[in-house]
Amino acid sequence: MKKIGHNIFLDGDKVFSYLTHVATIDGDKLIEHGKYSASTSRHVTKVAKMYGLTIIKSTTKVEDFNWLPTGIRI
C-alpha cells in the first residue's frame, strides 16, 4: 500500500481514504464507489487530479470495508 497524502493510500488500482476502499482506477477514469464525507470527497478529487483521471460515480457500492490487517503501520 502506497501513501500518497494524509490518510490517502493506493493499493494497485484501489484508492483508500481513512483505510476504506472508496474508488478504483480504471484506465483514465476514477470510479467512485459511493457518497462520502467532505474530506473523503477531497481525497478522491486529489487522486483524480494527481493522475489526470475523470471521476465517474459508480452505480454499485463496495459492500464491505477493506481494513488493513491489525498491526500494520503506515
PDB file of N, CA and C in Angstrom:
ATOM      1  N   MET A   1       0.858  -1.172   0.000  1.00  0.00           N
ATOM      2  CA  MET A   1       0.000   0.000   0.000  1.00  0.00           C
ATOM      3  C   MET A   1       0.901   1.230   0.000  1.00  0.00           C
ATOM      4  N   LYS A   2       0.627   2.148  -0.890  1.00  0.00           N
ATOM      5  CA  LYS A   2       1.443   3.348  -1.059  1.00  0.00           C
ATOM      6  C   LYS A   2       0.690   4.568  -0.528  1.00  0.00           C
ATOM      7  N   LYS A   3       1.328   5.299   0.386  1.00  0.00           N
ATOM      8  CA  LYS A   3       0.720   6.517   0.921  1.00  0.00           C
ATOM      9  C   LYS A   3       0.964   7.652  -0.070  1.00  0.00           C
ATOM     10  N   ILE A   4      -0.115   8.328  -0.489  1.00  0.00           N
ATOM     11  CA  ILE A   4       0.041   9.430  -1.449  1.00  0.00           C
ATOM     12  C   ILE A   4      -0.401  10.768  -0.875  1.00  0.00           C
ATOM     13  N   GLY A   5      -0.840  10.774   0.346  1.00  0.00           N
ATOM     14  CA  GLY A   5      -1.258  12.002   1.014  1.00  0.00           C
ATOM     15  C   GLY A   5      -1.702  11.669   2.426  1.00  0.00           C
ATOM     16  N   HIS A   6      -2.110  12.685   3.166  1.00  0.00           N
ATOM     17  CA  HIS A   6      -2.578  12.467   4.527  1.00  0.00           C
ATOM     18  C   HIS A   6      -3.877  11.659   4.499  1.00  0.00           C
ATOM     19  N   ASN A   7      -3.815  10.415   4.978  1.00  0.00           N
ATOM     20  CA  ASN A   7      -4.957   9.494   5.003  1.00  0.00           C
ATOM     21  C   ASN A   7      -5.464   9.101   3.620  1.00  0.00           C
ATOM     22  N   ILE A   8      -4.590   9.158   2.602  1.00  0.00           N
ATOM     23  CA  ILE A   8      -4.935   8.715   1.244  1.00  0.00           C
ATOM     24  C   ILE A   8      -3.895   7.681   0.825  1.00  0.00           C
ATOM     25  N   PHE A   9      -4.376   6.522   0.352  1.00  0.00           N
ATOM     26  CA  PHE A   9      -3.482   5.429   0.006  1.00  0.00           C
ATOM     27  C   PHE A   9      -3.915   4.788  -1.304  1.00  0.00           C
ATOM     28  N   LEU A  10      -2.927   4.216  -2.016  1.00  0.00           N
ATOM     29  CA  LEU A  10      -3.194   3.433  -3.217  1.00  0.00           C
ATOM     30  C   LEU A  10      -2.707   2.013  -2.979  1.00  0.00           C
ATOM     31  N   ASP A  11      -3.518   1.058  -3.375  1.00  0.00           N
ATOM     32  CA  ASP A  11      -3.129  -0.346  -3.354  1.00  0.00           C
ATOM     33  C   ASP A  11      -3.468  -0.890  -4.729  1.00  0.00           C
ATOM     34  N   GLY A  12      -2.487  -0.885  -5.611  1.00  0.00           N
ATOM     35  CA  GLY A  12      -2.745  -1.241  -7.010  1.00  0.00           C
ATOM     36  C   GLY A  12      -3.638  -0.193  -7.633  1.00  0.00           C
ATOM     37  N   ASP A  13      -4.828  -0.596  -8.076  1.00  0.00           N
ATOM     38  CA  ASP A  13      -5.771   0.349  -8.690  1.00  0.00           C
ATOM     39  C   ASP A  13      -6.831   0.838  -7.695  1.00  0.00           C
ATOM     40  N   LYS A  14      -6.719   0.431  -6.435  1.00  0.00           N
ATOM     41  CA  LYS A  14      -7.712   0.798  -5.418  1.00  0.00           C
ATOM     42  C   LYS A  14      -7.264   2.028  -4.633  1.00  0.00           C
ATOM     43  N   VAL A  15      -8.191   2.962  -4.441  1.00  0.00           N
ATOM     44  CA  VAL A  15      -7.936   4.176  -3.668  1.00  0.00           C
ATOM     45  C   VAL A  15      -8.599   4.009  -2.298  1.00  0.00           C
ATOM     46  N   PHE A  16      -7.810   4.255  -1.251  1.00  0.00           N
ATOM     47  CA  PHE A  16      -8.306   4.157   0.114  1.00  0.00           C
ATOM     48  C   PHE A  16      -8.254   5.528   0.768  1.00  0.00           C
ATOM     49  N   SER A  17      -9.303   5.861   1.481  1.00  0.00           N
ATOM     50  CA  SER A  17      -9.357   7.074   2.285  1.00  0.00           C
ATOM     51  C   SER A  17      -9.673   6.629   3.709  1.00  0.00           C
ATOM     52  N   TYR A  18      -8.831   7.013   4.647  1.00  0.00           N
ATOM     53  CA  TYR A  18      -9.007   6.554   6.032  1.00  0.00           C
ATOM     54  C   TYR A  18      -9.160   5.042   6.091  1.00  0.00           C
ATOM     55  N   LEU A  19      -8.399   4.329   5.265  1.00  0.00           N
ATOM     56  CA  LEU A  19      -8.352   2.862   5.224  1.00  0.00           C
ATOM     57  C   LEU A  19      -9.620   2.201   4.689  1.00  0.00           C
ATOM     58  N   THR A  20     -10.488   2.977   4.036  1.00  0.00           N
ATOM     59  CA  THR A  20     -11.692   2.442   3.397  1.00  0.00           C
ATOM     60  C   THR A  20     -11.544   2.562   1.885  1.00  0.00           C
ATOM     61  N   HIS A  21     -11.817   1.478   1.161  1.00  0.00           N
ATOM     62  CA  HIS A  21     -11.755   1.480  -0.307  1.00  0.00           C
ATOM     63  C   HIS A  21     -12.898   2.340  -0.834  1.00  0.00           C
ATOM     64  N   VAL A  22     -12.562   3.495  -1.414  1.00  0.00           N
ATOM     65  CA  VAL A  22     -13.588   4.452  -1.847  1.00  0.00           C
ATOM     66  C   VAL A  22     -13.662   4.627  -3.352  1.00  0.00           C
ATOM     67  N   ALA A  23     -12.628   4.221  -4.077  1.00  0.00           N
ATOM     68  CA  ALA A  23     -12.617   4.410  -5.532  1.00  0.00           C
ATOM     69  C   ALA A  23     -11.637   3.419  -6.168  1.00  0.00           C
ATOM     70  N   THR A  24     -11.817   3.218  -7.477  1.00  0.00           N
ATOM     71  CA  THR A  24     -10.952   2.325  -8.231  1.00  0.00           C
ATOM     72  C   THR A  24     -10.545   3.013  -9.526  1.00  0.00           C
ATOM     73  N   ILE A  25      -9.264   2.919  -9.848  1.00  0.00           N
ATOM     74  CA  ILE A  25      -8.757   3.473 -11.114  1.00  0.00           C
ATOM     75  C   ILE A  25      -9.023   2.452 -12.212  1.00  0.00           C
ATOM     76  N   ASP A  26      -9.645   2.921 -13.289  1.00  0.00           N
ATOM     77  CA  ASP A  26      -9.959   2.071 -14.439  1.00  0.00           C
ATOM     78  C   ASP A  26      -9.587   2.846 -15.693  1.00  0.00           C
ATOM     79  N   GLY A  27      -8.371   2.605 -16.179  1.00  0.00           N
ATOM     80  CA  GLY A  27      -7.882   3.336 -17.348  1.00  0.00           C
ATOM     81  C   GLY A  27      -7.717   4.807 -17.017  1.00  0.00           C
ATOM     82  N   ASP A  28      -8.439   5.671 -17.742  1.00  0.00           N
ATOM     83  CA  ASP A  28      -8.345   7.118 -17.494  1.00  0.00           C
ATOM     84  C   ASP A  28      -9.501   7.613 -16.629  1.00  0.00           C
ATOM     85  N   LYS A  29     -10.177   6.673 -15.950  1.00  0.00           N
ATOM     86  CA  LYS A  29     -11.325   7.021 -15.101  1.00  0.00           C
ATOM     87  C   LYS A  29     -11.049   6.632 -13.651  1.00  0.00           C
ATOM     88  N   LEU A  30     -11.669   7.362 -12.741  1.00  0.00           N
ATOM     89  CA  LEU A  30     -11.633   7.028 -11.323  1.00  0.00           C
ATOM     90  C   LEU A  30     -13.079   6.750 -10.919  1.00  0.00           C
ATOM     91  N   ILE A  31     -13.379   5.489 -10.666  1.00  0.00           N
ATOM     92  CA  ILE A  31     -14.737   5.075 -10.327  1.00  0.00           C
ATOM     93  C   ILE A  31     -14.928   5.263  -8.817  1.00  0.00           C
ATOM     94  N   GLU A  32     -15.807   6.185  -8.437  1.00  0.00           N
ATOM     95  CA  GLU A  32     -16.091   6.472  -7.033  1.00  0.00           C
ATOM     96  C   GLU A  32     -17.230   5.559  -6.576  1.00  0.00           C
ATOM     97  N   HIS A  33     -17.032   4.851  -5.461  1.00  0.00           N
ATOM     98  CA  HIS A  33     -17.949   3.795  -5.034  1.00  0.00           C
ATOM     99  C   HIS A  33     -19.031   4.228  -4.062  1.00  0.00           C
ATOM    100  N   GLY A  34     -19.392   5.473  -4.031  1.00  0.00           N
ATOM    101  CA  GLY A  34     -20.465   5.904  -3.148  1.00  0.00           C
ATOM    102  C   GLY A  34     -20.381   7.380  -2.843  1.00  0.00           C
ATOM    103  N   LYS A  35     -21.225   7.813  -1.936  1.00  0.00           N
ATOM    104  CA  LYS A  35     -21.229   9.199  -1.493  1.00  0.00           C
ATOM    105  C   LYS A  35     -20.531   9.238  -0.136  1.00  0.00           C
ATOM    106  N   TYR A  36     -19.557  10.127  -0.005  1.00  0.00           N
ATOM    107  CA  TYR A  36     -18.715  10.143   1.181  1.00  0.00           C
ATOM    108  C   TYR A  36     -18.673  11.521   1.823  1.00  0.00           C
ATOM    109  N   SER A  37     -17.976  11.585   2.953  1.00  0.00           N
ATOM    110  CA  SER A  37     -17.799  12.850   3.672  1.00  0.00           C
ATOM    111  C   SER A  37     -17.029  13.847   2.807  1.00  0.00           C
ATOM    112  N   ALA A  38     -17.037  15.095   3.250  1.00  0.00           N
ATOM    113  CA  ALA A  38     -16.331  16.149   2.504  1.00  0.00           C
ATOM    114  C   ALA A  38     -14.836  15.842   2.395  1.00  0.00           C
ATOM    115  N   SER A  39     -14.225  15.366   3.479  1.00  0.00           N
ATOM    116  CA  SER A  39     -12.780  15.098   3.430  1.00  0.00           C
ATOM    117  C   SER A  39     -12.469  13.928   2.507  1.00  0.00           C
ATOM    118  N   THR A  40     -13.282  12.884   2.530  1.00  0.00           N
ATOM    119  CA  THR A  40     -13.059  11.754   1.631  1.00  0.00           C
ATOM    120  C   THR A  40     -13.299  12.170   0.187  1.00  0.00           C
ATOM    121  N   SER A  41     -14.283  13.009  -0.056  1.00  0.00           N
ATOM    122  CA  SER A  41     -14.521  13.523  -1.410  1.00  0.00           C
ATOM    123  C   SER A  41     -13.323  14.332  -1.899  1.00  0.00           C
ATOM    124  N   ARG A  42     -12.696  15.096  -1.006  1.00  0.00           N
ATOM    125  CA  ARG A  42     -11.473  15.827  -1.373  1.00  0.00           C
ATOM    126  C   ARG A  42     -10.346  14.856  -1.724  1.00  0.00           C
ATOM    127  N   HIS A  43     -10.260  13.739  -1.001  1.00  0.00           N
ATOM    128  CA  HIS A  43      -9.238  12.734  -1.303  1.00  0.00           C
ATOM    129  C   HIS A  43      -9.438  12.178  -2.709  1.00  0.00           C
ATOM    130  N   VAL A  44     -10.679  11.846  -3.052  1.00  0.00           N
ATOM    131  CA  VAL A  44     -10.980  11.303  -4.377  1.00  0.00           C
ATOM    132  C   VAL A  44     -10.614  12.330  -5.451  1.00  0.00           C
ATOM    133  N   THR A  45     -10.977  13.579  -5.225  1.00  0.00           N
ATOM    134  CA  THR A  45     -10.659  14.649  -6.177  1.00  0.00           C
ATOM    135  C   THR A  45      -9.150  14.827  -6.318  1.00  0.00           C
ATOM    136  N   LYS A  46      -8.421  14.747  -5.200  1.00  0.00           N
ATOM    137  CA  LYS A  46      -6.965  14.897  -5.232  1.00  0.00           C
ATOM    138  C   LYS A  46      -6.315  13.803  -6.074  1.00  0.00           C
ATOM    139  N   VAL A  47      -6.753  12.552  -5.886  1.00  0.00           N
ATOM    140  CA  VAL A  47      -6.202  11.444  -6.663  1.00  0.00           C
ATOM    141  C   VAL A  47      -6.507  11.641  -8.147  1.00  0.00           C
ATOM    142  N   ALA A  48      -7.723  12.048  -8.467  1.00  0.00           N
ATOM    143  CA  ALA A  48      -8.100  12.276  -9.865  1.00  0.00           C
ATOM    144  C   ALA A  48      -7.204  13.332 -10.503  1.00  0.00           C
ATOM    145  N   LYS A  49      -6.957  14.427  -9.786  1.00  0.00           N
ATOM    146  CA  LYS A  49      -6.100  15.497 -10.322  1.00  0.00           C
ATOM    147  C   LYS A  49      -4.653  15.038 -10.448  1.00  0.00           C
ATOM    148  N   MET A  50      -4.159  14.293  -9.455  1.00  0.00           N
ATOM    149  CA  MET A  50      -2.763  13.821  -9.476  1.00  0.00           C
ATOM    150  C   MET A  50      -2.477  12.956 -10.704  1.00  0.00           C
ATOM    151  N   TYR A  51      -3.450  12.126 -11.077  1.00  0.00           N
ATOM    152  CA  TYR A  51      -3.247  11.166 -12.151  1.00  0.00           C
ATOM    153  C   TYR A  51      -3.985  11.521 -13.442  1.00  0.00           C
ATOM    154  N   GLY A  52      -4.613  12.689 -13.482  1.00  0.00           N
ATOM    155  CA  GLY A  52      -5.317  13.126 -14.687  1.00  0.00           C
ATOM    156  C   GLY A  52      -6.511  12.248 -15.032  1.00  0.00           C
ATOM    157  N   LEU A  53      -7.274  11.857 -14.022  1.00  0.00           N
ATOM    158  CA  LEU A  53      -8.402  10.952 -14.210  1.00  0.00           C
ATOM    159  C   LEU A  53      -9.736  11.700 -14.161  1.00  0.00           C
ATOM    160  N   THR A  54     -10.733  11.146 -14.829  1.00  0.00           N
ATOM    161  CA  THR A  54     -12.092  11.670 -14.784  1.00  0.00           C
ATOM    162  C   THR A  54     -12.870  10.880 -13.735  1.00  0.00           C
ATOM    163  N   ILE A  55     -13.529  11.567 -12.807  1.00  0.00           N
ATOM    164  CA  ILE A  55     -14.298  10.901 -11.758  1.00  0.00           C
ATOM    165  C   ILE A  55     -15.649  10.466 -12.316  1.00  0.00           C
ATOM    166  N   ILE A  56     -15.957   9.195 -12.116  1.00  0.00           N
ATOM    167  CA  ILE A  56     -17.230   8.602 -12.535  1.00  0.00           C
ATOM    168  C   ILE A  56     -17.906   8.061 -11.278  1.00  0.00           C
ATOM    169  N   LYS A  57     -19.176   8.391 -11.074  1.00  0.00           N
ATOM    170  CA  LYS A  57     -19.933   7.862  -9.945  1.00  0.00           C
ATOM    171  C   LYS A  57     -20.384   6.443 -10.283  1.00  0.00           C
ATOM    172  N   SER A  58     -20.068   5.505  -9.425  1.00  0.00           N
ATOM    173  CA  SER A  58     -20.442   4.111  -9.637  1.00  0.00           C
ATOM    174  C   SER A  58     -21.913   3.893  -9.314  1.00  0.00           C
ATOM    175  N   THR A  59     -22.514   2.956 -10.003  1.00  0.00           N
ATOM    176  CA  THR A  59     -23.899   2.599  -9.698  1.00  0.00           C
ATOM    177  C   THR A  59     -23.943   1.498  -8.643  1.00  0.00           C
ATOM    178  N   THR A  60     -22.773   0.885  -8.372  1.00  0.00           N
ATOM    179  CA  THR A  60     -22.699  -0.144  -7.331  1.00  0.00           C
ATOM    180  C   THR A  60     -21.740   0.323  -6.252  1.00  0.00           C
ATOM    181  N   LYS A  61     -21.989  -0.089  -5.042  1.00  0.00           N
ATOM    182  CA  LYS A  61     -21.189   0.318  -3.899  1.00  0.00           C
ATOM    183  C   LYS A  61     -20.369  -0.867  -3.401  1.00  0.00           C
ATOM    184  N   VAL A  62     -19.177  -0.597  -2.914  1.00  0.00           N
ATOM    185  CA  VAL A  62     -18.370  -1.649  -2.311  1.00  0.00           C
ATOM    186  C   VAL A  62     -19.117  -2.123  -1.070  1.00  0.00           C
ATOM    187  N   GLU A  63     -19.346  -3.423  -0.963  1.00  0.00           N
ATOM    188  CA  GLU A  63     -20.190  -3.971   0.096  1.00  0.00           C
ATOM    189  C   GLU A  63     -19.573  -3.874   1.487  1.00  0.00           C
ATOM    190  N   ASP A  64     -18.305  -4.218   1.609  1.00  0.00           N
ATOM    191  CA  ASP A  64     -17.703  -4.203   2.934  1.00  0.00           C
ATOM    192  C   ASP A  64     -16.434  -3.376   2.918  1.00  0.00           C
ATOM    193  N   PHE A  65     -16.045  -2.920   4.094  1.00  0.00           N
ATOM    194  CA  PHE A  65     -14.853  -2.108   4.219  1.00  0.00           C
ATOM    195  C   PHE A  65     -13.616  -2.968   4.070  1.00  0.00           C
ATOM    196  N   ASN A  66     -12.561  -2.400   3.506  1.00  0.00           N
ATOM    197  CA  ASN A  66     -11.299  -3.097   3.331  1.00  0.00           C
ATOM    198  C   ASN A  66     -10.281  -2.530   4.307  1.00  0.00           C
ATOM    199  N   TRP A  67     -10.223  -3.086   5.487  1.00  0.00           N
ATOM    200  CA  TRP A  67      -9.318  -2.596   6.523  1.00  0.00           C
ATOM    201  C   TRP A  67      -7.962  -3.264   6.375  1.00  0.00           C
ATOM    202  N   LEU A  68      -6.932  -2.578   6.836  1.00  0.00           N
ATOM    203  CA  LEU A  68      -5.604  -3.180   6.888  1.00  0.00           C
ATOM    204  C   LEU A  68      -5.584  -4.212   8.012  1.00  0.00           C
ATOM    205  N   PRO A  69      -4.767  -5.252   7.849  1.00  0.00           N
ATOM    206  CA  PRO A  69      -4.651  -6.215   8.946  1.00  0.00           C
ATOM    207  C   PRO A  69      -4.122  -5.536  10.212  1.00  0.00           C
ATOM    208  N   THR A  70      -4.530  -6.028  11.351  1.00  0.00           N
ATOM    209  CA  THR A  70      -4.104  -5.476  12.637  1.00  0.00           C
ATOM    210  C   THR A  70      -2.586  -5.527  12.732  1.00  0.00           C
ATOM    211  N   GLY A  71      -2.014  -4.450  13.220  1.00  0.00           N
ATOM    212  CA  GLY A  71      -0.573  -4.384  13.431  1.00  0.00           C
ATOM    213  C   GLY A  71       0.200  -3.762  12.297  1.00  0.00           C
ATOM    214  N   ILE A  72      -0.440  -3.435  11.175  1.00  0.00           N
ATOM    215  CA  ILE A  72       0.246  -2.821  10.035  1.00  0.00           C
ATOM    216  C   ILE A  72       0.461  -1.335  10.341  1.00  0.00           C
ATOM    217  N   ARG A  73       1.691  -0.872  10.177  1.00  0.00           N
ATOM    218  CA  ARG A  73       1.998   0.548  10.354  1.00  0.00           C
ATOM    219  C   ARG A  73       2.144   1.195   8.999  1.00  0.00           C
ATOM    220  N   ILE A  74       1.589   2.410   8.893  1.00  0.00           N
ATOM    221  CA  ILE A  74       1.728   3.145   7.635  1.00  0.00           C
ATOM    222  C   ILE A  74       2.312   4.509   7.880  1.00  0.00           C
TER     223      ILE A  74
END
